[in-house]
């Protein structure tokens, strides 16, 4: 009886071993076929396809097969001990093939990303200008992103049209570079003349609704007279509704007069239309007449005793 039972166990091992060896044969065949297909696609030198090669989709099947075999060996120690040295070598070859497929897949994805970037750089056709100093990055984000330098405000740049993670891709010296989004303009900024400025001011909210010319006036006065802390920009009445006017709030006669004289001295560069201060108006077209008196409008504010009013063309 003991010998009879022993024979049944031996037969069971043979059946189990046959099944495992069948899997071992199928696994390497699938993996080798996959590797061959992927190798031809990646190293043939053809342009990168728009979708991942179908050969790569065979990798999960090979991985599942080898994984199933490894699981069988873990559950059945008898079958594991029965495997021949050649069968173990075949299993290792299958696992090595799977790793090789993953390497090829990663290489393909990197080549595809590189080609997409090269294509974007070649097709870039949008010109915009920086509205402030901007850091230049090698990548849109992540640990790989390195700061490569800085672009000054008012710099003309070429855009590819791609935005990632809050950064915009530009072309700089023929290469893909990235800058923070939101600081590029389709309008060419006004160049600041001597004694004037286009540097941002502490309160950028004043610029909302203003034309680029009015912003130029605001920034120039802001930097020339930092003691002024209150401004009136766009609103729904008079010249202010056009975005071309600015109120510089001060009741100090000496300070207000200094601001008005500063504006008059730079009227040409700032393209001024008029300056109003303390119920008097001055315009470039009648500058030879100096300050001209205005009729009373009934209040200190309406008569411009508490602010200098300036507008641009």
C-alpha atoms as a PDB file:
ATOM      1  CA  UNK A   1       0.000   0.000   0.000  1.00  0.00           C
ATOM      2  CA  UNK A   2       2.851   2.352   0.805  1.00  0.00           C
ATOM      3  CA  UNK A   3       4.462   1.730  -2.597  1.00  0.00           C
ATOM      4  CA  UNK A   4       1.115   2.200  -4.327  1.00  0.00           C
ATOM      5  CA  UNK A   5       0.563   5.585  -2.707  1.00  0.00           C
ATOM      6  CA  UNK A   6       4.101   6.628  -3.584  1.00  0.00           C
ATOM      7  CA  UNK A   7       3.430   5.968  -7.262  1.00  0.00           C
ATOM      8  CA  UNK A   8       0.339   8.189  -7.210  1.00  0.00           C
ATOM      9  CA  UNK A   9       2.346  11.062  -5.693  1.00  0.00           C
ATOM     10  CA  UNK A  10       5.012  10.626  -8.363  1.00  0.00           C
ATOM     11  CA  UNK A  11       2.385  10.815 -11.121  1.00  0.00           C
ATOM     12  CA  UNK A  12       0.937  13.934  -9.593  1.00  0.00           C
ATOM     13  CA  UNK A  13       4.351  15.584  -9.728  1.00  0.00           C
ATOM     14  CA  UNK A  14       4.681  14.679 -13.375  1.00  0.00           C
ATOM     15  CA  UNK A  15       1.328  16.229 -14.228  1.00  0.00           C
ATOM     16  CA  UNK A  16       2.187  19.404 -12.310  1.00  0.00           C
ATOM     17  CA  UNK A  17       5.563  19.565 -13.960  1.00  0.00           C
ATOM     18  CA  UNK A  18       4.067  19.171 -17.414  1.00  0.00           C
ATOM     19  CA  UNK A  19       1.766  22.095 -16.830  1.00  0.00           C
ATOM     20  CA  UNK A  20       4.596  24.275 -15.523  1.00  0.00           C
ATOM     21  CA  UNK A  21       6.875  23.384 -18.414  1.00  0.00           C
ATOM     22  CA  UNK A  22       4.114  24.269 -20.876  1.00  0.00           C
ATOM     23  CA  UNK A  23       3.902  27.684 -19.267  1.00  0.00           C
ATOM     24  CA  UNK A  24       7.670  28.017 -19.430  1.00  0.00           C
ATOM     25  CA  UNK A  25       7.642  27.367 -23.170  1.00  0.00           C
ATOM     26  CA  UNK A  26       4.774  29.792 -23.846  1.00  0.00           C
ATOM     27  CA  UNK A  27       6.240  32.564 -21.661  1.00  0.00           C
ATOM     28  CA  UNK A  28       9.633  32.997 -23.413  1.00  0.00           C
ATOM     29  CA  UNK A  29       8.011  32.698 -26.851  1.00  0.00           C
ATOM     30  CA  UNK A  30       5.609  35.550 -26.093  1.00  0.00           C
ATOM     31  CA  UNK A  31       8.351  37.655 -24.513  1.00  0.00           C
ATOM     32  CA  UNK A  32      10.835  37.086 -27.368  1.00  0.00           C
ATOM     33  CA  UNK A  33       8.181  37.951 -29.965  1.00  0.00           C
ATOM     34  CA  UNK A  34       7.373  41.105 -28.061  1.00  0.00           C
ATOM     35  CA  UNK A  35      11.020  42.139 -27.691  1.00  0.00           C
ATOM     36  CA  UNK A  36      11.608  41.610 -31.409  1.00  0.00           C
ATOM     37  CA  UNK A  37       8.620  43.722 -32.388  1.00  0.00           C
ATOM     38  CA  UNK A  38       9.529  46.545 -30.005  1.00  0.00           C
ATOM     39  CA  UNK A  39      13.202  46.507 -31.005  1.00  0.00           C
ATOM     40  CA  UNK A  40      12.316  46.912 -34.673  1.00  0.00           C
ATOM     41  CA  UNK A  41       9.963  49.807 -33.878  1.00  0.00           C
ATOM     42  CA  UNK A  42      12.347  51.726 -31.586  1.00  0.00           C
ATOM     43  CA  UNK A  43      15.646  51.309 -33.414  1.00  0.00           C
ATOM     44  CA  UNK A  44      14.465  51.401 -37.046  1.00  0.00           C
ATOM     45  CA  UNK A  45      14.952  55.182 -37.133  1.00  0.00           C
ATOM     46  CA  UNK A  46      11.380  55.906 -38.252  1.00  0.00           C
ATOM     47  CA  UNK A  47       9.620  59.007 -36.826  1.00  0.00           C
ATOM     48  CA  UNK A  48       7.886  58.419 -33.507  1.00  0.00           C
ATOM     49  CA  UNK A  49       4.327  57.064 -34.022  1.00  0.00           C
ATOM     50  CA  UNK A  50       1.392  58.964 -32.640  1.00  0.00           C
ATOM     51  CA  UNK A  51       0.372  56.040 -30.401  1.00  0.00           C
ATOM     52  CA  UNK A  52       2.357  53.468 -28.428  1.00  0.00           C
ATOM     53  CA  UNK A  53       3.353  50.433 -30.618  1.00  0.00           C
ATOM     54  CA  UNK A  54       0.923  47.523 -30.264  1.00  0.00           C
ATOM     55  CA  UNK A  55       3.877  45.262 -29.491  1.00  0.00           C
ATOM     56  CA  UNK A  56       4.256  46.976 -26.123  1.00  0.00           C
ATOM     57  CA  UNK A  57       0.775  45.840 -25.105  1.00  0.00           C
ATOM     58  CA  UNK A  58       1.993  42.236 -25.120  1.00  0.00           C
ATOM     59  CA  UNK A  59       4.238  42.946 -22.143  1.00  0.00           C
ATOM     60  CA  UNK A  60       1.474  42.633 -19.495  1.00  0.00           C
ATOM     61  CA  UNK A  61       0.523  39.185 -20.872  1.00  0.00           C
ATOM     62  CA  UNK A  62       4.097  37.945 -20.611  1.00  0.00           C
ATOM     63  CA  UNK A  63       4.399  39.459 -17.156  1.00  0.00           C
ATOM     64  CA  UNK A  64       1.179  37.783 -16.012  1.00  0.00           C
ATOM     65  CA  UNK A  65       2.374  34.430 -17.318  1.00  0.00           C
ATOM     66  CA  UNK A  66       5.734  34.603 -15.596  1.00  0.00           C
ATOM     67  CA  UNK A  67       4.100  35.928 -12.427  1.00  0.00           C
ATOM     68  CA  UNK A  68       1.646  33.028 -12.402  1.00  0.00           C
ATOM     69  CA  UNK A  69       4.483  30.537 -12.795  1.00  0.00           C
ATOM     70  CA  UNK A  70       6.445  32.119  -9.947  1.00  0.00           C
ATOM     71  CA  UNK A  71       3.333  31.904  -7.772  1.00  0.00           C
ATOM     72  CA  UNK A  72       2.885  28.206  -8.599  1.00  0.00           C
ATOM     73  CA  UNK A  73       6.453  27.508  -7.528  1.00  0.00           C
ATOM     74  CA  UNK A  74       5.838  29.231  -4.206  1.00  0.00           C
ATOM     75  CA  UNK A  75       2.673  27.265  -3.471  1.00  0.00           C
ATOM     76  CA  UNK A  76       4.011  23.862  -4.596  1.00  0.00           C
ATOM     77  CA  UNK A  77       7.459  23.103  -3.115  1.00  0.00           C
ATOM     78  CA  UNK A  78       7.395  19.606  -4.685  1.00  0.00           C
ATOM     79  CA  UNK A  79       7.011  21.049  -8.185  1.00  0.00           C
ATOM     80  CA  UNK A  80       9.704  23.623  -7.423  1.00  0.00           C
ATOM     81  CA  UNK A  81      12.217  20.942  -6.485  1.00  0.00           C
ATOM     82  CA  UNK A  82      11.261  18.959  -9.608  1.00  0.00           C
ATOM     83  CA  UNK A  83      12.157  21.799 -11.977  1.00  0.00           C
ATOM     84  CA  UNK A  84      15.312  21.158 -13.922  1.00  0.00           C
ATOM     85  CA  UNK A  85      18.172  23.588 -14.145  1.00  0.00           C
ATOM     86  CA  UNK A  86      17.203  24.367 -17.755  1.00  0.00           C
ATOM     87  CA  UNK A  87      13.635  25.193 -16.697  1.00  0.00           C
ATOM     88  CA  UNK A  88      14.896  27.603 -14.058  1.00  0.00           C
ATOM     89  CA  UNK A  89      17.143  29.249 -16.612  1.00  0.00           C
ATOM     90  CA  UNK A  90      14.149  29.579 -18.943  1.00  0.00           C
ATOM     91  CA  UNK A  91      12.136  31.268 -16.205  1.00  0.00           C
ATOM     92  CA  UNK A  92      14.957  33.737 -15.509  1.00  0.00           C
ATOM     93  CA  UNK A  93      15.213  34.494 -19.226  1.00  0.00           C
ATOM     94  CA  UNK A  94      11.498  35.247 -19.277  1.00  0.00           C
ATOM     95  CA  UNK A  95      11.819  37.673 -16.355  1.00  0.00           C
ATOM     96  CA  UNK A  96      14.855  39.332 -17.969  1.00  0.00           C
ATOM     97  CA  UNK A  97      12.875  39.763 -21.180  1.00  0.00           C
ATOM     98  CA  UNK A  98      10.100  41.495 -19.256  1.00  0.00           C
ATOM     99  CA  UNK A  99      12.582  43.962 -17.747  1.00  0.00           C
ATOM    100  CA  UNK A 100      14.041  44.626 -21.204  1.00  0.00           C
ATOM    101  CA  UNK A 101      10.580  45.379 -22.584  1.00  0.00           C
ATOM    102  CA  UNK A 102       9.986  47.929 -19.822  1.00  0.00           C
ATOM    103  CA  UNK A 103      13.323  49.599 -20.635  1.00  0.00           C
ATOM    104  CA  UNK A 104      12.365  49.837 -24.306  1.00  0.00           C
ATOM    105  CA  UNK A 105       8.969  51.275 -23.366  1.00  0.00           C
ATOM    106  CA  UNK A 106      10.576  53.971 -21.176  1.00  0.00           C
ATOM    107  CA  UNK A 107      13.041  54.822 -23.958  1.00  0.00           C
ATOM    108  CA  UNK A 108      10.199  55.090 -26.454  1.00  0.00           C
ATOM    109  CA  UNK A 109       8.244  57.455 -24.185  1.00  0.00           C
ATOM    110  CA  UNK A 110      11.287  59.681 -23.731  1.00  0.00           C
ATOM    111  CA  UNK A 111      11.925  59.808 -27.477  1.00  0.00           C
ATOM    112  CA  UNK A 112       8.281  60.648 -28.077  1.00  0.00           C
ATOM    113  CA  UNK A 113       8.364  63.526 -25.533  1.00  0.00           C
ATOM    114  CA  UNK A 114      11.572  64.885 -27.077  1.00  0.00           C
ATOM    115  CA  UNK A 115      10.077  64.814 -30.561  1.00  0.00           C
ATOM    116  CA  UNK A 116       6.911  66.560 -29.337  1.00  0.00           C
ATOM    117  CA  UNK A 117       9.077  69.357 -27.892  1.00  0.00           C
ATOM    118  CA  UNK A 118      11.116  69.679 -31.081  1.00  0.00           C
ATOM    119  CA  UNK A 119       7.904  69.880 -33.087  1.00  0.00           C
ATOM    120  CA  UNK A 120       6.482  72.573 -30.777  1.00  0.00           C
ATOM    121  CA  UNK A 121       9.673  74.652 -31.089  1.00  0.00           C
ATOM    122  CA  UNK A 122       9.605  74.400 -34.898  1.00  0.00           C
ATOM    123  CA  UNK A 123       5.956  75.482 -35.070  1.00  0.00           C
ATOM    124  CA  UNK A 124       6.188  78.377 -32.576  1.00  0.00           C
ATOM    125  CA  UNK A 125       4.707  81.502 -34.195  1.00  0.00           C
ATOM    126  CA  UNK A 126       3.290  83.720 -31.421  1.00  0.00           C
ATOM    127  CA  UNK A 127       5.171  86.801 -30.247  1.00  0.00           C
ATOM    128  CA  UNK A 128       4.508  88.362 -26.849  1.00  0.00           C
ATOM    129  CA  UNK A 129       6.334  90.600 -24.392  1.00  0.00           C
ATOM    130  CA  UNK A 130       7.288  90.071 -20.767  1.00  0.00           C
ATOM    131  CA  UNK A 131       5.515  92.464 -18.410  1.00  0.00           C
ATOM    132  CA  UNK A 132       8.002  91.953 -15.569  1.00  0.00           C
ATOM    133  CA  UNK A 133      11.345  90.271 -14.906  1.00  0.00           C
ATOM    134  CA  UNK A 134      10.899  86.497 -15.277  1.00  0.00           C
ATOM    135  CA  UNK A 135      12.986  83.491 -14.278  1.00  0.00           C
ATOM    136  CA  UNK A 136      13.752  81.067 -17.109  1.00  0.00           C
ATOM    137  CA  UNK A 137      13.405  77.313 -16.393  1.00  0.00           C
ATOM    138  CA  UNK A 138      14.582  74.207 -18.224  1.00  0.00           C
ATOM    139  CA  UNK A 139      11.369  72.283 -17.446  1.00  0.00           C
ATOM    140  CA  UNK A 140       7.793  73.244 -16.508  1.00  0.00           C
ATOM    141  CA  UNK A 141       8.205  71.779 -13.024  1.00  0.00           C
ATOM    142  CA  UNK A 142       9.492  68.951 -10.861  1.00  0.00           C
ATOM    143  CA  UNK A 143      12.936  68.069  -9.586  1.00  0.00           C
ATOM    144  CA  UNK A 144      14.391  68.185 -13.109  1.00  0.00           C
ATOM    145  CA  UNK A 145      13.548  71.892 -13.557  1.00  0.00           C
ATOM    146  CA  UNK A 146      16.610  74.140 -13.334  1.00  0.00           C
ATOM    147  CA  UNK A 147      16.705  77.928 -13.356  1.00  0.00           C
ATOM    148  CA  UNK A 148      18.765  78.974 -16.371  1.00  0.00           C
ATOM    149  CA  UNK A 149      18.641  82.745 -16.109  1.00  0.00           C
ATOM    150  CA  UNK A 150      16.280  85.711 -16.210  1.00  0.00           C
ATOM    151  CA  UNK A 151      14.340  87.664 -18.828  1.00  0.00           C
ATOM    152  CA  UNK A 152      13.997  91.417 -18.311  1.00  0.00           C
ATOM    153  CA  UNK A 153      10.635  93.186 -18.489  1.00  0.00           C
ATOM    154  CA  UNK A 154       9.740  94.311 -22.010  1.00  0.00           C
ATOM    155  CA  UNK A 155      11.576  91.392 -23.652  1.00  0.00           C
ATOM    156  CA  UNK A 156      10.023  90.005 -26.840  1.00  0.00           C
ATOM    157  CA  UNK A 157       9.647  86.198 -26.755  1.00  0.00           C
ATOM    158  CA  UNK A 158       8.359  83.457 -29.051  1.00  0.00           C
ATOM    159  CA  UNK A 159       5.658  81.140 -27.643  1.00  0.00           C
ATOM    160  CA  UNK A 160       4.951  77.514 -28.615  1.00  0.00           C
ATOM    161  CA  UNK A 161       1.399  77.562 -27.270  1.00  0.00           C
ATOM    162  CA  UNK A 162       2.028  74.889 -24.617  1.00  0.00           C
ATOM    163  CA  UNK A 163       1.320  75.506 -20.905  1.00  0.00           C
ATOM    164  CA  UNK A 164       2.065  73.037 -18.104  1.00  0.00           C
ATOM    165  CA  UNK A 165       1.794  73.403 -14.324  1.00  0.00           C
ATOM    166  CA  UNK A 166       1.412  77.195 -14.393  1.00  0.00           C
ATOM    167  CA  UNK A 167       4.308  77.768 -16.785  1.00  0.00           C
ATOM    168  CA  UNK A 168       4.381  78.787 -20.445  1.00  0.00           C
ATOM    169  CA  UNK A 169       6.810  77.327 -22.974  1.00  0.00           C
ATOM    170  CA  UNK A 170       8.896  79.821 -24.958  1.00  0.00           C
ATOM    171  CA  UNK A 171      11.664  79.468 -27.530  1.00  0.00           C
ATOM    172  CA  UNK A 172      14.964  80.942 -26.396  1.00  0.00           C
ATOM    173  CA  UNK A 173      18.061  80.587 -28.576  1.00  0.00           C
ATOM    174  CA  UNK A 174      16.274  77.864 -30.508  1.00  0.00           C
ATOM    175  CA  UNK A 175      15.568  75.772 -27.399  1.00  0.00           C
ATOM    176  CA  UNK A 176      12.500  75.016 -25.301  1.00  0.00           C
ATOM    177  CA  UNK A 177      12.383  77.036 -22.093  1.00  0.00           C
ATOM    178  CA  UNK A 178       9.651  77.801 -19.535  1.00  0.00           C
ATOM    179  CA  UNK A 179       8.498  80.950 -17.710  1.00  0.00           C
ATOM    180  CA  UNK A 180       5.714  81.625 -15.201  1.00  0.00           C
ATOM    181  CA  UNK A 181       2.364  82.108 -16.938  1.00  0.00           C
ATOM    182  CA  UNK A 182       0.397  85.345 -16.581  1.00  0.00           C
ATOM    183  CA  UNK A 183       3.273  87.770 -17.162  1.00  0.00           C
ATOM    184  CA  UNK A 184       3.230  87.927 -20.950  1.00  0.00           C
ATOM    185  CA  UNK A 185       1.323  90.488 -23.024  1.00  0.00           C
ATOM    186  CA  UNK A 186       0.261  90.720 -26.657  1.00  0.00           C
ATOM    187  CA  UNK A 187       0.861  94.496 -26.491  1.00  0.00           C
ATOM    188  CA  UNK A 188       4.367  95.837 -26.731  1.00  0.00           C
ATOM    189  CA  UNK A 189       5.094  97.700 -23.485  1.00  0.00           C
ATOM    190  CA  UNK A 190       6.015 101.348 -23.527  1.00  0.00           C
ATOM    191  CA  UNK A 191       9.741 101.867 -23.076  1.00  0.00           C
ATOM    192  CA  UNK A 192      10.509 104.089 -20.106  1.00  0.00           C
ATOM    193  CA  UNK A 193      12.354 107.299 -20.919  1.00  0.00           C
ATOM    194  CA  UNK A 194      15.024 108.819 -18.685  1.00  0.00           C
ATOM    195  CA  UNK A 195      13.490 109.789 -15.349  1.00  0.00           C
ATOM    196  CA  UNK A 196      10.431 107.563 -15.959  1.00  0.00           C
ATOM    197  CA  UNK A 197       9.739 103.939 -15.078  1.00  0.00           C
ATOM    198  CA  UNK A 198       7.806 100.867 -16.115  1.00  0.00           C
ATOM    199  CA  UNK A 199       8.754  98.832 -13.035  1.00  0.00           C
ATOM    200  CA  UNK A 200       5.757  97.402 -11.141  1.00  0.00           C
ATOM    201  CA  UNK A 201       4.339  99.404  -8.214  1.00  0.00           C
ATOM    202  CA  UNK A 202       3.334  98.153  -4.743  1.00  0.00           C
ATOM    203  CA  UNK A 203      -0.384  98.311  -5.617  1.00  0.00           C
ATOM    204  CA  UNK A 204      -0.888  96.609  -9.010  1.00  0.00           C
ATOM    205  CA  UNK A 205      -4.660  96.813  -8.551  1.00  0.00           C
ATOM    206  CA  UNK A 206      -4.583 100.473  -9.622  1.00  0.00           C
ATOM    207  CA  UNK A 207      -3.706  99.302 -13.151  1.00  0.00           C
ATOM    208  CA  UNK A 208      -6.939  97.338 -13.610  1.00  0.00           C
ATOM    209  CA  UNK A 209      -8.838  98.757 -16.584  1.00  0.00           C
ATOM    210  CA  UNK A 210      -6.107 101.264 -17.528  1.00  0.00           C
ATOM    211  CA  UNK A 211      -4.553 101.536 -20.967  1.00  0.00           C
ATOM    212  CA  UNK A 212      -0.842 100.849 -21.330  1.00  0.00           C
ATOM    213  CA  UNK A 213      -0.229 104.618 -21.566  1.00  0.00           C
ATOM    214  CA  UNK A 214      -2.041 105.291 -18.294  1.00  0.00           C
ATOM    215  CA  UNK A 215      -0.129 102.446 -16.637  1.00  0.00           C
ATOM    216  CA  UNK A 216       3.093 104.113 -17.793  1.00  0.00           C
ATOM    217  CA  UNK A 217       2.038 107.343 -16.053  1.00  0.00           C
ATOM    218  CA  UNK A 218       1.056 105.490 -12.877  1.00  0.00           C
ATOM    219  CA  UNK A 219       4.339 103.577 -12.616  1.00  0.00           C
ATOM    220  CA  UNK A 220       6.437 106.645 -13.362  1.00  0.00           C
ATOM    221  CA  UNK A 221       4.694 108.767 -10.693  1.00  0.00           C
ATOM    222  CA  UNK A 222       4.670 105.851  -8.240  1.00  0.00           C
ATOM    223  CA  UNK A 223       8.458 105.543  -8.377  1.00  0.00           C
ATOM    224  CA  UNK A 224       9.183 109.260  -8.575  1.00  0.00           C
ATOM    225  CA  UNK A 225       6.901 110.035  -5.601  1.00  0.00           C
ATOM    226  CA  UNK A 226       6.778 106.992  -3.311  1.00  0.00           C
ATOM    227  CA  UNK A 227       5.165 109.085  -0.559  1.00  0.00           C
ATOM    228  CA  UNK A 228       1.894 109.020  -2.523  1.00  0.00           C
ATOM    229  CA  UNK A 229      -0.093 105.982  -1.397  1.00  0.00           C
ATOM    230  CA  UNK A 230      -3.519 106.521  -2.941  1.00  0.00           C
ATOM    231  CA  UNK A 231      -4.592 106.621  -6.589  1.00  0.00           C
ATOM    232  CA  UNK A 232      -7.826 106.653  -8.534  1.00  0.00           C
ATOM    233  CA  UNK A 233      -7.855 104.534 -11.684  1.00  0.00           C
ATOM    234  CA  UNK A 234     -10.709 103.283 -13.808  1.00  0.00           C
ATOM    235  CA  UNK A 235     -14.306 104.099 -12.920  1.00  0.00           C
ATOM    236  CA  UNK A 236     -17.533 104.783 -14.784  1.00  0.00           C
ATOM    237  CA  UNK A 237     -17.397 108.590 -15.118  1.00  0.00           C
ATOM    238  CA  UNK A 238     -15.681 111.061 -17.432  1.00  0.00           C
ATOM    239  CA  UNK A 239     -12.237 110.300 -18.830  1.00  0.00           C
ATOM    240  CA  UNK A 240     -11.811 107.547 -16.264  1.00  0.00           C
ATOM    241  CA  UNK A 241     -14.346 105.331 -18.053  1.00  0.00           C
ATOM    242  CA  UNK A 242     -11.977 105.104 -21.034  1.00  0.00           C
ATOM    243  CA  UNK A 243      -9.088 103.830 -18.894  1.00  0.00           C
ATOM    244  CA  UNK A 244      -6.934 106.778 -20.014  1.00  0.00           C
ATOM    245  CA  UNK A 245      -7.085 108.856 -16.797  1.00  0.00           C
ATOM    246  CA  UNK A 246      -5.451 108.684 -13.389  1.00  0.00           C
ATOM    247  CA  UNK A 247      -6.035 110.604 -10.150  1.00  0.00           C
ATOM    248  CA  UNK A 248      -2.992 111.086  -7.898  1.00  0.00           C
ATOM    249  CA  UNK A 249      -4.432 111.689  -4.449  1.00  0.00           C
ATOM    250  CA  UNK A 250      -2.835 114.437  -2.323  1.00  0.00           C
ATOM    251  CA  UNK A 251      -3.978 117.672  -0.650  1.00  0.00           C
ATOM    252  CA  UNK A 252      -0.401 118.804  -0.021  1.00  0.00           C
ATOM    253  CA  UNK A 253       0.085 121.885  -2.223  1.00  0.00           C
ATOM    254  CA  UNK A 254       3.870 121.496  -2.459  1.00  0.00           C
ATOM    255  CA  UNK A 255       3.732 117.786  -3.262  1.00  0.00           C
ATOM    256  CA  UNK A 256       0.840 118.158  -5.707  1.00  0.00           C
ATOM    257  CA  UNK A 257       2.588 120.988  -7.547  1.00  0.00           C
ATOM    258  CA  UNK A 258       5.791 118.940  -7.782  1.00  0.00           C
ATOM    259  CA  UNK A 259       3.834 116.039  -9.278  1.00  0.00           C
ATOM    260  CA  UNK A 260       2.071 118.314 -11.769  1.00  0.00           C
ATOM    261  CA  UNK A 261       5.394 119.861 -12.825  1.00  0.00           C
ATOM    262  CA  UNK A 262       6.920 116.380 -13.204  1.00  0.00           C
ATOM    263  CA  UNK A 263       4.081 115.357 -15.515  1.00  0.00           C
ATOM    264  CA  UNK A 264       4.367 118.529 -17.581  1.00  0.00           C
ATOM    265  CA  UNK A 265       8.126 118.011 -17.962  1.00  0.00           C
ATOM    266  CA  UNK A 266       7.523 114.522 -19.382  1.00  0.00           C
ATOM    267  CA  UNK A 267       4.366 115.281 -21.332  1.00  0.00           C
ATOM    268  CA  UNK A 268       5.874 114.233 -24.659  1.00  0.00           C
ATOM    269  CA  UNK A 269       7.217 110.871 -23.471  1.00  0.00           C
ATOM    270  CA  UNK A 270       4.006 110.120 -21.567  1.00  0.00           C
ATOM    271  CA  UNK A 271       1.718 111.262 -24.421  1.00  0.00           C
ATOM    272  CA  UNK A 272      -0.330 113.454 -22.061  1.00  0.00           C
ATOM    273  CA  UNK A 273      -3.665 114.939 -23.010  1.00  0.00           C
ATOM    274  CA  UNK A 274      -4.106 117.177 -19.958  1.00  0.00           C
ATOM    275  CA  UNK A 275      -3.147 117.824 -16.324  1.00  0.00           C
ATOM    276  CA  UNK A 276      -5.590 119.352 -13.819  1.00  0.00           C
ATOM    277  CA  UNK A 277      -4.591 120.662 -10.363  1.00  0.00           C
ATOM    278  CA  UNK A 278      -6.276 123.115  -7.968  1.00  0.00           C
ATOM    279  CA  UNK A 279      -8.962 124.334 -10.424  1.00  0.00           C
ATOM    280  CA  UNK A 280      -6.391 124.883 -13.206  1.00  0.00           C
ATOM    281  CA  UNK A 281      -5.784 122.922 -16.385  1.00  0.00           C
ATOM    282  CA  UNK A 282      -2.686 122.528 -18.532  1.00  0.00           C
ATOM    283  CA  UNK A 283      -2.587 120.897 -21.978  1.00  0.00           C
ATOM    284  CA  UNK A 284       0.397 120.238 -24.273  1.00  0.00           C
ATOM    285  CA  UNK A 285      -1.383 121.739 -27.290  1.00  0.00           C
ATOM    286  CA  UNK A 286      -1.730 125.063 -25.442  1.00  0.00           C
ATOM    287  CA  UNK A 287       1.379 124.798 -23.318  1.00  0.00           C
ATOM    288  CA  UNK A 288       2.444 128.357 -24.238  1.00  0.00           C
ATOM    289  CA  UNK A 289      -0.549 129.624 -22.234  1.00  0.00           C
ATOM    290  CA  UNK A 290       0.616 127.846 -19.072  1.00  0.00           C
ATOM    291  CA  UNK A 291      -1.964 126.977 -16.416  1.00  0.00           C
ATOM    292  CA  UNK A 292      -5.485 128.098 -17.354  1.00  0.00           C
ATOM    293  CA  UNK A 293      -8.170 128.815 -14.756  1.00  0.00           C
ATOM    294  CA  UNK A 294     -11.301 126.624 -14.679  1.00  0.00           C
ATOM    295  CA  UNK A 295     -14.807 127.503 -13.409  1.00  0.00           C
ATOM    296  CA  UNK A 296     -15.788 126.126 -10.022  1.00  0.00           C
ATOM    297  CA  UNK A 297     -17.555 122.784  -9.963  1.00  0.00           C
ATOM    298  CA  UNK A 298     -18.740 123.120  -6.355  1.00  0.00           C
ATOM    299  CA  UNK A 299     -16.441 120.967  -4.225  1.00  0.00           C
ATOM    300  CA  UNK A 300     -12.780 120.482  -3.358  1.00  0.00           C
ATOM    301  CA  UNK A 301     -12.730 117.135  -5.128  1.00  0.00           C
ATOM    302  CA  UNK A 302     -14.545 118.386  -8.243  1.00  0.00           C
ATOM    303  CA  UNK A 303     -12.125 121.331  -8.406  1.00  0.00           C
ATOM    304  CA  UNK A 304      -9.119 118.997  -7.984  1.00  0.00           C
ATOM    305  CA  UNK A 305      -7.830 120.443  -4.698  1.00  0.00           C
ATOM    306  CA  UNK A 306      -7.273 116.966  -3.226  1.00  0.00           C
ATOM    307  CA  UNK A 307      -5.737 115.236  -6.246  1.00  0.00           C
ATOM    308  CA  UNK A 308      -3.805 115.800  -9.455  1.00  0.00           C
ATOM    309  CA  UNK A 309      -5.756 114.558 -12.476  1.00  0.00           C
ATOM    310  CA  UNK A 310      -3.852 113.428 -15.564  1.00  0.00           C
ATOM    311  CA  UNK A 311      -5.003 111.774 -18.787  1.00  0.00           C
ATOM    312  CA  UNK A 312      -3.278 110.366 -21.883  1.00  0.00           C
ATOM    313  CA  UNK A 313      -4.199 109.994 -25.536  1.00  0.00           C
END
